[in-house]
Amino acid sequence: MGARIYHNHINISDKPLTHDREDCIYYKDIDEKFIDKITENPIVHYIQVNGMDGSFPEEVYPIIDKILENREDIAFRIYSVMGDRPFDIRPLLDMKHLHHLVIDCHLRENKNLIDFDVLTKLHLKSLRLNAFDLRDYSFIQNLSNELESLTIFADTMGGSVNFDCEWLIKYKNLHTLWLGKKAKKNLESIARIETLKSLSLRGIKLNNFDFLKKMNLEKFELLWNSNNELSELKDLKSLKEIGMWRISKLENIDFLSELENLEVIKMQDLMHITALPDLSRLQHLKRLVLDGTGIKIDSIEEPYKSMVERYWR
């Protein structure tokens, strides 16, 4: 009965379905058998609801929490919150097993669709927030001390946002950080987060790389960036994974030859990169993602050709 689980997500509907969908189930159809199916299926990473029509009935949330009780690694996602219909997230306060939350919303027409202060009262270990045109992120400094992973897109139609990277220093368990282009005030201060192992920066041009050299990063991604000189990254000796995406002016990646601990190299939309550098010192290299580069895969010699994957994932 209900949704057949072939996807990494399950949509929970607040209305009876008019046609079968593999990834969707009406919340009143969820029973113990279906919860067991999710519990036993490692493919599922998200339980999600569509907020386009406004708030969900409160009785939906205990059902979702029951799923999370069995799989606390699963994230709860609220998406497509937009227009002029507010979405009440206060019922999240009663979800005792909610530790991973994703919110995707568009606030251009109404800045008050969601009360983000509610997030400060949750016991979150991870938060992924894609809130278009949100201007005030001050609540970020009052999230749970258990926070381990934080993603902030910080996209707007123009103007700045109220966000300060110094707010993040207090999170002693934070190991993964993804920041969008306007979440960059006092960016260098994140070097004081001793637990940080993974850093992704989107749309943030780096004028100084020194703060990165003070960190023991294992993963670093530079996304949609205008830097054209990345040679200083050769000093990030602890890196196991590096990702470069849509860096339009980048022409030289010789610095990769110096990063001997790399296991994964990912490159996408780097059309000026036409050849790999010498990778012979990278004895731990396992994956080489080349998606939309100027490198001709047929010209790559082994063992590197066998490592190539064509899609960033």
C-alpha atoms as a PDB file:
ATOM      1  CA  MET A   1       0.000   0.000   0.000  1.00  0.00           C
ATOM      2  CA  GLY A   2       1.010   3.624  -0.297  1.00  0.00           C
ATOM      3  CA  ALA A   3       4.154   4.866  -1.951  1.00  0.00           C
ATOM      4  CA  ARG A   4       6.629   2.426  -3.430  1.00  0.00           C
ATOM      5  CA  ILE A   5      10.053   3.478  -2.240  1.00  0.00           C
ATOM      6  CA  TYR A   6      12.329   3.974  -5.232  1.00  0.00           C
ATOM      7  CA  HIS A   7      13.443   7.521  -4.391  1.00  0.00           C
ATOM      8  CA  ASN A   8      15.609   9.174  -1.763  1.00  0.00           C
ATOM      9  CA  HIS A   9      12.570  11.093  -0.567  1.00  0.00           C
ATOM     10  CA  ILE A  10       8.966  10.484   0.440  1.00  0.00           C
ATOM     11  CA  ASN A  11       6.386  13.236  -0.007  1.00  0.00           C
ATOM     12  CA  ILE A  12       3.711  13.403   2.666  1.00  0.00           C
ATOM     13  CA  SER A  13       0.414  14.785   1.358  1.00  0.00           C
ATOM     14  CA  ASP A  14      -2.259  16.401   3.515  1.00  0.00           C
ATOM     15  CA  LYS A  15      -4.908  15.452   0.949  1.00  0.00           C
ATOM     16  CA  PRO A  16      -5.978  12.090  -0.517  1.00  0.00           C
ATOM     17  CA  LEU A  17      -4.126  11.325  -3.733  1.00  0.00           C
ATOM     18  CA  THR A  18      -6.096  11.326  -6.965  1.00  0.00           C
ATOM     19  CA  HIS A  19      -3.524   9.154  -8.749  1.00  0.00           C
ATOM     20  CA  ASP A  20      -0.705   6.816  -7.781  1.00  0.00           C
ATOM     21  CA  ARG A  21       2.713   8.315  -7.221  1.00  0.00           C
ATOM     22  CA  GLU A  22       5.823   6.358  -6.402  1.00  0.00           C
ATOM     23  CA  ASP A  23       7.183   9.053  -4.101  1.00  0.00           C
ATOM     24  CA  CYS A  24       4.046  10.279  -2.320  1.00  0.00           C
ATOM     25  CA  ILE A  25       1.631   9.055   0.334  1.00  0.00           C
ATOM     26  CA  TYR A  26      -1.403  10.564   2.046  1.00  0.00           C
ATOM     27  CA  TYR A  27      -0.559  10.984   5.722  1.00  0.00           C
ATOM     28  CA  LYS A  28      -3.649   9.077   6.889  1.00  0.00           C
ATOM     29  CA  ASP A  29      -2.452   6.055   4.900  1.00  0.00           C
ATOM     30  CA  ILE A  30       0.790   5.793   6.849  1.00  0.00           C
ATOM     31  CA  ASP A  31       0.748   2.757   9.121  1.00  0.00           C
ATOM     32  CA  GLU A  32       3.334   0.699  11.001  1.00  0.00           C
ATOM     33  CA  LYS A  33       3.986  -1.409   7.924  1.00  0.00           C
ATOM     34  CA  PHE A  34       4.892   1.625   5.865  1.00  0.00           C
ATOM     35  CA  ILE A  35       7.066   3.036   8.642  1.00  0.00           C
ATOM     36  CA  ASP A  36       8.919  -0.279   8.728  1.00  0.00           C
ATOM     37  CA  LYS A  37       9.486  -0.028   4.962  1.00  0.00           C
ATOM     38  CA  ILE A  38      11.151   3.341   5.422  1.00  0.00           C
ATOM     39  CA  THR A  39      13.165   2.186   8.404  1.00  0.00           C
ATOM     40  CA  GLU A  40      14.584  -0.724   6.465  1.00  0.00           C
ATOM     41  CA  ASN A  41      15.288   1.202   3.260  1.00  0.00           C
ATOM     42  CA  PRO A  42      18.629   3.076   3.261  1.00  0.00           C
ATOM     43  CA  ILE A  43      17.689   4.889   0.034  1.00  0.00           C
ATOM     44  CA  VAL A  44      15.358   7.262   1.880  1.00  0.00           C
ATOM     45  CA  HIS A  45      17.096  10.416   3.104  1.00  0.00           C
ATOM     46  CA  TYR A  46      14.192  12.892   3.237  1.00  0.00           C
ATOM     47  CA  ILE A  47      10.613  13.036   4.428  1.00  0.00           C
ATOM     48  CA  GLN A  48       9.110  16.149   2.887  1.00  0.00           C
ATOM     49  CA  VAL A  49       5.988  18.268   2.628  1.00  0.00           C
ATOM     50  CA  ASN A  50       5.000  20.834   0.010  1.00  0.00           C
ATOM     51  CA  GLY A  51       4.180  24.159   1.626  1.00  0.00           C
ATOM     52  CA  MET A  52       2.809  25.917  -1.451  1.00  0.00           C
ATOM     53  CA  ASP A  53      -0.749  25.873  -0.108  1.00  0.00           C
ATOM     54  CA  GLY A  54       0.186  27.028   3.376  1.00  0.00           C
ATOM     55  CA  SER A  55       0.395  25.284   6.734  1.00  0.00           C
ATOM     56  CA  PHE A  56      -0.154  21.557   7.175  1.00  0.00           C
ATOM     57  CA  PRO A  57      -2.660  20.066   9.655  1.00  0.00           C
ATOM     58  CA  GLU A  58      -1.025  19.640  13.057  1.00  0.00           C
ATOM     59  CA  GLU A  59      -1.851  15.926  13.140  1.00  0.00           C
ATOM     60  CA  VAL A  60       0.645  15.355  10.312  1.00  0.00           C
ATOM     61  CA  TYR A  61       3.661  16.117  12.472  1.00  0.00           C
ATOM     62  CA  PRO A  62       3.358  13.341  15.095  1.00  0.00           C
ATOM     63  CA  ILE A  63       3.161  10.844  12.228  1.00  0.00           C
ATOM     64  CA  ILE A  64       6.333  12.213  10.677  1.00  0.00           C
ATOM     65  CA  ASP A  65       8.003  12.215  14.079  1.00  0.00           C
ATOM     66  CA  LYS A  66       7.150   8.539  14.421  1.00  0.00           C
ATOM     67  CA  ILE A  67       9.092   7.890  11.213  1.00  0.00           C
ATOM     68  CA  LEU A  68      12.029   9.910  12.528  1.00  0.00           C
ATOM     69  CA  GLU A  69      11.976   7.962  15.777  1.00  0.00           C
ATOM     70  CA  ASN A  70      12.919   4.891  13.774  1.00  0.00           C
ATOM     71  CA  ARG A  71      15.349   6.718  11.472  1.00  0.00           C
ATOM     72  CA  GLU A  72      16.854   9.742  13.191  1.00  0.00           C
ATOM     73  CA  ASP A  73      19.302  10.161  10.301  1.00  0.00           C
ATOM     74  CA  ILE A  74      16.456  11.147   7.952  1.00  0.00           C
ATOM     75  CA  ALA A  75      15.933  14.865   7.324  1.00  0.00           C
ATOM     76  CA  PHE A  76      12.528  16.537   7.336  1.00  0.00           C
ATOM     77  CA  ARG A  77      12.156  18.947   4.422  1.00  0.00           C
ATOM     78  CA  ILE A  78       9.600  21.740   3.989  1.00  0.00           C
ATOM     79  CA  TYR A  79       9.676  23.131   0.461  1.00  0.00           C
ATOM     80  CA  SER A  80       7.870  25.494  -1.951  1.00  0.00           C
ATOM     81  CA  VAL A  81       6.761  27.895   0.760  1.00  0.00           C
ATOM     82  CA  MET A  82       6.010  31.041  -1.246  1.00  0.00           C
ATOM     83  CA  GLY A  83       3.404  33.603  -2.229  1.00  0.00           C
ATOM     84  CA  ASP A  84       1.254  35.056   0.537  1.00  0.00           C
ATOM     85  CA  ARG A  85       0.322  31.913   2.482  1.00  0.00           C
ATOM     86  CA  PRO A  86       2.274  31.639   5.759  1.00  0.00           C
ATOM     87  CA  PHE A  87       3.601  28.269   6.858  1.00  0.00           C
ATOM     88  CA  ASP A  88       3.421  27.637  10.603  1.00  0.00           C
ATOM     89  CA  ILE A  89       6.462  25.670  11.793  1.00  0.00           C
ATOM     90  CA  ARG A  90       5.563  25.789  15.486  1.00  0.00           C
ATOM     91  CA  PRO A  91       4.386  22.144  15.380  1.00  0.00           C
ATOM     92  CA  LEU A  92       8.050  21.227  14.888  1.00  0.00           C
ATOM     93  CA  LEU A  93       8.530  22.010  18.567  1.00  0.00           C
ATOM     94  CA  ASP A  94       6.692  18.805  19.464  1.00  0.00           C
ATOM     95  CA  MET A  95       8.789  16.617  17.152  1.00  0.00           C
ATOM     96  CA  LYS A  96      11.206  15.135  19.681  1.00  0.00           C
ATOM     97  CA  HIS A  97      13.080  13.114  17.071  1.00  0.00           C
ATOM     98  CA  LEU A  98      13.642  15.931  14.599  1.00  0.00           C
ATOM     99  CA  HIS A  99      17.388  16.528  14.273  1.00  0.00           C
ATOM    100  CA  HIS A 100      17.856  17.283  10.573  1.00  0.00           C
ATOM    101  CA  LEU A 101      15.792  20.032   8.924  1.00  0.00           C
ATOM    102  CA  VAL A 102      15.676  21.447   5.386  1.00  0.00           C
ATOM    103  CA  ILE A 103      13.615  24.530   4.497  1.00  0.00           C
ATOM    104  CA  ASP A 104      13.258  25.837   0.932  1.00  0.00           C
ATOM    105  CA  CYS A 105      11.166  28.992   0.655  1.00  0.00           C
ATOM    106  CA  HIS A 106      10.749  32.169  -1.407  1.00  0.00           C
ATOM    107  CA  LEU A 107      10.121  35.299   0.653  1.00  0.00           C
ATOM    108  CA  ARG A 108      10.098  37.924  -2.067  1.00  0.00           C
ATOM    109  CA  GLU A 109       6.371  38.644  -1.724  1.00  0.00           C
ATOM    110  CA  ASN A 110       6.045  38.136   2.018  1.00  0.00           C
ATOM    111  CA  LYS A 111       8.992  38.287   4.422  1.00  0.00           C
ATOM    112  CA  ASN A 112       6.873  36.832   7.237  1.00  0.00           C
ATOM    113  CA  LEU A 113       5.862  33.497   5.733  1.00  0.00           C
ATOM    114  CA  ILE A 114       7.886  31.600   8.339  1.00  0.00           C
ATOM    115  CA  ASP A 115       8.798  32.428  11.936  1.00  0.00           C
ATOM    116  CA  PHE A 116      12.463  31.430  11.894  1.00  0.00           C
ATOM    117  CA  ASP A 117      12.864  32.083  15.615  1.00  0.00           C
ATOM    118  CA  VAL A 118      11.153  28.720  16.127  1.00  0.00           C
ATOM    119  CA  LEU A 119      14.376  27.121  14.886  1.00  0.00           C
ATOM    120  CA  THR A 120      16.207  28.336  17.978  1.00  0.00           C
ATOM    121  CA  LYS A 121      14.065  26.056  20.147  1.00  0.00           C
ATOM    122  CA  LEU A 122      14.764  22.849  18.211  1.00  0.00           C
ATOM    123  CA  HIS A 123      17.465  20.279  18.937  1.00  0.00           C
ATOM    124  CA  LEU A 124      18.913  20.389  15.456  1.00  0.00           C
ATOM    125  CA  LYS A 125      22.098  18.667  14.404  1.00  0.00           C
ATOM    126  CA  SER A 126      21.821  19.903  10.824  1.00  0.00           C
ATOM    127  CA  LEU A 127      20.016  22.784   9.129  1.00  0.00           C
ATOM    128  CA  ARG A 128      19.848  23.498   5.404  1.00  0.00           C
ATOM    129  CA  LEU A 129      18.180  26.841   4.739  1.00  0.00           C
ATOM    130  CA  ASN A 130      17.447  28.069   1.227  1.00  0.00           C
ATOM    131  CA  ALA A 131      15.304  31.098   2.021  1.00  0.00           C
ATOM    132  CA  PHE A 132      15.308  33.402  -0.986  1.00  0.00           C
ATOM    133  CA  ASP A 133      15.259  37.092  -0.034  1.00  0.00           C
ATOM    134  CA  LEU A 134      15.537  36.467   3.705  1.00  0.00           C
ATOM    135  CA  ARG A 135      17.425  39.469   5.076  1.00  0.00           C
ATOM    136  CA  ASP A 136      17.770  38.801   8.797  1.00  0.00           C
ATOM    137  CA  TYR A 137      19.670  35.685   9.856  1.00  0.00           C
ATOM    138  CA  SER A 138      20.219  36.774  13.458  1.00  0.00           C
ATOM    139  CA  PHE A 139      18.427  33.651  14.717  1.00  0.00           C
ATOM    140  CA  ILE A 140      21.395  31.608  13.474  1.00  0.00           C
ATOM    141  CA  GLN A 141      23.399  32.631  16.532  1.00  0.00           C
ATOM    142  CA  ASN A 142      20.864  30.939  18.813  1.00  0.00           C
ATOM    143  CA  LEU A 143      20.546  27.488  17.275  1.00  0.00           C
ATOM    144  CA  SER A 144      21.133  24.290  19.224  1.00  0.00           C
ATOM    145  CA  ASN A 145      24.628  23.759  20.598  1.00  0.00           C
ATOM    146  CA  GLU A 146      24.357  20.280  19.089  1.00  0.00           C
ATOM    147  CA  LEU A 147      24.618  21.744  15.565  1.00  0.00           C
ATOM    148  CA  GLU A 148      26.981  19.738  13.353  1.00  0.00           C
ATOM    149  CA  SER A 149      26.109  20.852   9.815  1.00  0.00           C
ATOM    150  CA  LEU A 150      24.852  24.196   8.488  1.00  0.00           C
ATOM    151  CA  THR A 151      23.920  25.292   4.961  1.00  0.00           C
ATOM    152  CA  ILE A 152      22.937  28.911   4.270  1.00  0.00           C
ATOM    153  CA  PHE A 153      22.237  29.979   0.669  1.00  0.00           C
ATOM    154  CA  ALA A 154      21.725  33.703   1.422  1.00  0.00           C
ATOM    155  CA  ASP A 155      20.341  34.580  -2.024  1.00  0.00           C
ATOM    156  CA  THR A 156      18.462  37.868  -2.468  1.00  0.00           C
ATOM    157  CA  MET A 157      17.248  40.192  -5.213  1.00  0.00           C
ATOM    158  CA  GLY A 158      19.851  42.735  -4.121  1.00  0.00           C
ATOM    159  CA  GLY A 159      21.207  44.374  -1.020  1.00  0.00           C
ATOM    160  CA  SER A 160      22.945  42.839   1.955  1.00  0.00           C
ATOM    161  CA  VAL A 161      21.793  40.461   4.670  1.00  0.00           C
ATOM    162  CA  ASN A 162      22.274  40.439   8.419  1.00  0.00           C
ATOM    163  CA  PHE A 163      24.659  37.519   8.836  1.00  0.00           C
ATOM    164  CA  ASP A 164      27.999  37.256  10.612  1.00  0.00           C
ATOM    165  CA  CYS A 165      30.317  34.260  10.444  1.00  0.00           C
ATOM    166  CA  GLU A 166      31.490  35.077  13.964  1.00  0.00           C
ATOM    167  CA  TRP A 167      28.124  33.799  15.175  1.00  0.00           C
ATOM    168  CA  LEU A 168      29.224  30.303  14.190  1.00  0.00           C
ATOM    169  CA  ILE A 169      32.285  30.107  16.423  1.00  0.00           C
ATOM    170  CA  LYS A 170      30.154  29.040  19.401  1.00  0.00           C
ATOM    171  CA  TYR A 171      29.138  25.769  17.725  1.00  0.00           C
ATOM    172  CA  LYS A 172      31.734  23.364  19.079  1.00  0.00           C
ATOM    173  CA  ASN A 173      30.406  20.367  17.123  1.00  0.00           C
ATOM    174  CA  LEU A 174      30.135  22.054  13.721  1.00  0.00           C
ATOM    175  CA  HIS A 175      32.005  19.976  11.147  1.00  0.00           C
ATOM    176  CA  THR A 176      30.250  20.886   7.868  1.00  0.00           C
ATOM    177  CA  LEU A 177      29.573  24.418   6.603  1.00  0.00           C
ATOM    178  CA  TRP A 178      28.095  25.583   3.266  1.00  0.00           C
ATOM    179  CA  LEU A 179      27.801  29.351   2.738  1.00  0.00           C
ATOM    180  CA  GLY A 180      26.201  31.298  -0.109  1.00  0.00           C
ATOM    181  CA  LYS A 181      27.360  34.582  -1.569  1.00  0.00           C
ATOM    182  CA  LYS A 182      25.977  37.047   0.988  1.00  0.00           C
ATOM    183  CA  ALA A 183      26.828  35.028   4.095  1.00  0.00           C
ATOM    184  CA  LYS A 184      30.428  36.194   4.079  1.00  0.00           C
ATOM    185  CA  LYS A 185      30.852  38.876   6.744  1.00  0.00           C
ATOM    186  CA  ASN A 186      33.937  38.071   8.842  1.00  0.00           C
ATOM    187  CA  LEU A 187      34.441  34.915   6.793  1.00  0.00           C
ATOM    188  CA  GLU A 188      38.011  34.525   8.056  1.00  0.00           C
ATOM    189  CA  SER A 189      36.680  33.961  11.577  1.00  0.00           C
ATOM    190  CA  ILE A 190      35.556  30.438  10.692  1.00  0.00           C
ATOM    191  CA  ALA A 191      39.197  29.406  11.038  1.00  0.00           C
ATOM    192  CA  ARG A 192      38.481  29.473  14.773  1.00  0.00           C
ATOM    193  CA  ILE A 193      35.966  26.622  14.434  1.00  0.00           C
ATOM    194  CA  GLU A 194      38.362  23.834  15.350  1.00  0.00           C
ATOM    195  CA  THR A 195      35.947  21.026  14.500  1.00  0.00           C
ATOM    196  CA  LEU A 196      35.256  22.186  10.929  1.00  0.00           C
ATOM    197  CA  LYS A 197      36.247  19.573   8.343  1.00  0.00           C
ATOM    198  CA  SER A 198      34.104  20.436   5.302  1.00  0.00           C
ATOM    199  CA  LEU A 199      33.704  23.923   3.814  1.00  0.00           C
ATOM    200  CA  SER A 200      31.771  24.923   0.682  1.00  0.00           C
ATOM    201  CA  LEU A 201      31.646  28.517  -0.569  1.00  0.00           C
ATOM    202  CA  ARG A 202      29.247  29.561  -3.343  1.00  0.00           C
ATOM    203  CA  GLY A 203      29.572  32.904  -5.078  1.00  0.00           C
ATOM    204  CA  ILE A 204      32.163  34.149  -2.581  1.00  0.00           C
ATOM    205  CA  LYS A 205      35.374  35.478  -4.113  1.00  0.00           C
ATOM    206  CA  LEU A 206      38.377  34.954  -1.873  1.00  0.00           C
ATOM    207  CA  ASN A 207      40.840  37.829  -1.661  1.00  0.00           C
ATOM    208  CA  ASN A 208      42.909  36.119   0.994  1.00  0.00           C
ATOM    209  CA  PHE A 209      43.519  32.393   1.417  1.00  0.00           C
ATOM    210  CA  ASP A 210      45.482  32.594   4.675  1.00  0.00           C
ATOM    211  CA  PHE A 211      42.566  31.679   6.922  1.00  0.00           C
ATOM    212  CA  LEU A 212      42.084  28.418   5.021  1.00  0.00           C
ATOM    213  CA  LYS A 213      45.685  27.450   5.726  1.00  0.00           C
ATOM    214  CA  LYS A 214      44.984  27.620   9.458  1.00  0.00           C
ATOM    215  CA  MET A 215      42.273  24.982   9.168  1.00  0.00           C
ATOM    216  CA  ASN A 216      42.493  21.214   8.946  1.00  0.00           C
ATOM    217  CA  LEU A 217      39.895  20.857   6.224  1.00  0.00           C
ATOM    218  CA  GLU A 218      39.288  17.476   4.644  1.00  0.00           C
ATOM    219  CA  LYS A 219      36.831  18.787   2.052  1.00  0.00           C
ATOM    220  CA  PHE A 220      36.757  22.154   0.276  1.00  0.00           C
ATOM    221  CA  GLU A 221      34.432  23.319  -2.502  1.00  0.00           C
ATOM    222  CA  LEU A 222      34.597  26.580  -4.419  1.00  0.00           C
ATOM    223  CA  LEU A 223      31.385  27.142  -6.373  1.00  0.00           C
ATOM    224  CA  TRP A 224      30.226  29.777  -8.873  1.00  0.00           C
ATOM    225  CA  ASN A 225      33.300  31.828  -8.196  1.00  0.00           C
ATOM    226  CA  SER A 226      35.271  34.571  -9.967  1.00  0.00           C
ATOM    227  CA  ASN A 227      38.736  33.699  -8.662  1.00  0.00           C
ATOM    228  CA  ASN A 228      41.160  33.010 -11.493  1.00  0.00           C
ATOM    229  CA  GLU A 229      44.198  32.113  -9.389  1.00  0.00           C
ATOM    230  CA  LEU A 230      43.971  29.256  -6.893  1.00  0.00           C
ATOM    231  CA  SER A 231      47.624  28.304  -6.526  1.00  0.00           C
ATOM    232  CA  GLU A 232      47.571  29.051  -2.786  1.00  0.00           C
ATOM    233  CA  LEU A 233      45.290  26.063  -2.282  1.00  0.00           C
ATOM    234  CA  LYS A 234      48.411  23.908  -2.631  1.00  0.00           C
ATOM    235  CA  ASP A 235      49.000  24.555   1.076  1.00  0.00           C
ATOM    236  CA  LEU A 236      45.795  22.786   2.165  1.00  0.00           C
ATOM    237  CA  LYS A 237      47.652  19.533   2.708  1.00  0.00           C
ATOM    238  CA  SER A 238      44.929  17.896   4.810  1.00  0.00           C
ATOM    239  CA  LEU A 239      42.385  17.902   1.955  1.00  0.00           C
ATOM    240  CA  LYS A 240      40.885  14.577   0.923  1.00  0.00           C
ATOM    241  CA  GLU A 241      38.295  16.074  -1.422  1.00  0.00           C
ATOM    242  CA  ILE A 242      38.216  19.222  -3.517  1.00  0.00           C
ATOM    243  CA  GLY A 243      35.413  20.537  -5.712  1.00  0.00           C
ATOM    244  CA  MET A 244      35.483  23.383  -8.235  1.00  0.00           C
ATOM    245  CA  TRP A 245      32.290  24.399 -10.024  1.00  0.00           C
ATOM    246  CA  ARG A 246      31.651  27.181 -12.530  1.00  0.00           C
ATOM    247  CA  ILE A 247      34.833  29.163 -11.920  1.00  0.00           C
ATOM    248  CA  SER A 248      34.697  30.833 -15.298  1.00  0.00           C
ATOM    249  CA  LYS A 249      38.157  32.427 -15.364  1.00  0.00           C
ATOM    250  CA  LEU A 250      40.135  29.503 -13.966  1.00  0.00           C
ATOM    251  CA  GLU A 251      42.791  28.245 -16.384  1.00  0.00           C
ATOM    252  CA  ASN A 252      45.372  26.546 -14.161  1.00  0.00           C
ATOM    253  CA  ILE A 253      44.921  23.689 -11.678  1.00  0.00           C
ATOM    254  CA  ASP A 254      48.568  22.677 -11.272  1.00  0.00           C
ATOM    255  CA  PHE A 255      48.208  23.154  -7.516  1.00  0.00           C
ATOM    256  CA  LEU A 256      46.388  19.809  -7.378  1.00  0.00           C
ATOM    257  CA  SER A 257      49.733  18.073  -7.817  1.00  0.00           C
ATOM    258  CA  GLU A 258      50.736  19.240  -4.324  1.00  0.00           C
ATOM    259  CA  LEU A 259      47.671  17.861  -2.518  1.00  0.00           C
ATOM    260  CA  GLU A 260      48.933  14.358  -1.886  1.00  0.00           C
ATOM    261  CA  ASN A 261      46.083  13.271   0.404  1.00  0.00           C
ATOM    262  CA  LEU A 262      43.350  13.866  -2.164  1.00  0.00           C
ATOM    263  CA  GLU A 263      40.921  11.004  -2.712  1.00  0.00           C
ATOM    264  CA  VAL A 264      38.314  12.907  -4.740  1.00  0.00           C
ATOM    265  CA  ILE A 265      38.658  15.686  -7.328  1.00  0.00           C
ATOM    266  CA  LYS A 266      35.430  17.179  -8.712  1.00  0.00           C
ATOM    267  CA  MET A 267      35.306  19.715 -11.537  1.00  0.00           C
ATOM    268  CA  GLN A 268      32.254  21.058 -13.342  1.00  0.00           C
ATOM    269  CA  ASP A 269      31.762  23.857 -15.892  1.00  0.00           C
ATOM    270  CA  LEU A 270      35.466  24.684 -16.129  1.00  0.00           C
ATOM    271  CA  MET A 271      35.772  25.041 -19.880  1.00  0.00           C
ATOM    272  CA  HIS A 272      39.228  26.634 -19.765  1.00  0.00           C
ATOM    273  CA  ILE A 273      40.686  23.562 -18.067  1.00  0.00           C
ATOM    274  CA  THR A 274      41.864  21.421 -20.978  1.00  0.00           C
ATOM    275  CA  ALA A 275      44.249  18.980 -19.299  1.00  0.00           C
ATOM    276  CA  LEU A 276      44.931  17.339 -15.967  1.00  0.00           C
ATOM    277  CA  PRO A 277      48.103  18.259 -14.091  1.00  0.00           C
ATOM    278  CA  ASP A 278      50.592  15.636 -12.923  1.00  0.00           C
ATOM    279  CA  LEU A 279      48.672  13.473 -10.432  1.00  0.00           C
ATOM    280  CA  SER A 280      51.381  10.876  -9.849  1.00  0.00           C
ATOM    281  CA  ARG A 281      51.936  11.928  -6.231  1.00  0.00           C
ATOM    282  CA  LEU A 282      48.249  11.501  -5.384  1.00  0.00           C
ATOM    283  CA  GLN A 283      48.493   7.897  -4.296  1.00  0.00           C
ATOM    284  CA  HIS A 284      45.101   7.926  -2.541  1.00  0.00           C
ATOM    285  CA  LEU A 285      43.073   9.262  -5.486  1.00  0.00           C
ATOM    286  CA  LYS A 286      39.889   7.238  -6.126  1.00  0.00           C
ATOM    287  CA  ARG A 287      37.421   9.488  -7.976  1.00  0.00           C
ATOM    288  CA  LEU A 288      37.834  12.086 -10.689  1.00  0.00           C
ATOM    289  CA  VAL A 289      34.631  13.925 -11.641  1.00  0.00           C
ATOM    290  CA  LEU A 290      34.820  15.786 -14.962  1.00  0.00           C
ATOM    291  CA  ASP A 291      31.525  17.417 -15.919  1.00  0.00           C
ATOM    292  CA  GLY A 292      31.588  20.189 -18.494  1.00  0.00           C
ATOM    293  CA  THR A 293      35.338  20.770 -18.632  1.00  0.00           C
ATOM    294  CA  GLY A 294      37.625  21.167 -21.638  1.00  0.00           C
ATOM    295  CA  ILE A 295      39.376  17.899 -20.838  1.00  0.00           C
ATOM    296  CA  LYS A 296      38.950  15.138 -23.402  1.00  0.00           C
ATOM    297  CA  ILE A 297      38.362  12.005 -21.387  1.00  0.00           C
ATOM    298  CA  ASP A 298      39.637   9.739 -24.157  1.00  0.00           C
ATOM    299  CA  SER A 299      43.029  11.417 -23.871  1.00  0.00           C
ATOM    300  CA  ILE A 300      43.412  10.645 -20.160  1.00  0.00           C
ATOM    301  CA  GLU A 301      45.858   7.880 -19.354  1.00  0.00           C
ATOM    302  CA  GLU A 302      45.345   5.101 -16.854  1.00  0.00           C
ATOM    303  CA  PRO A 303      44.945   4.695 -13.972  1.00  0.00           C
ATOM    304  CA  TYR A 304      43.122   8.039 -14.006  1.00  0.00           C
ATOM    305  CA  LYS A 305      40.810   7.309 -16.912  1.00  0.00           C
ATOM    306  CA  SER A 306      39.162   4.499 -14.921  1.00  0.00           C
ATOM    307  CA  MET A 307      38.512   6.924 -12.068  1.00  0.00           C
ATOM    308  CA  VAL A 308      36.526   9.357 -14.210  1.00  0.00           C
ATOM    309  CA  GLU A 309      32.864  10.036 -13.457  1.00  0.00           C
ATOM    310  CA  ARG A 310      30.924  12.322 -15.780  1.00  0.00           C
ATOM    311  CA  TYR A 311      28.429  13.805 -13.328  1.00  0.00           C
ATOM    312  CA  TRP A 312      28.861  15.767 -10.110  1.00  0.00           C
ATOM    313  CA  ARG A 313      26.966  14.126  -7.272  1.00  0.00           C
END
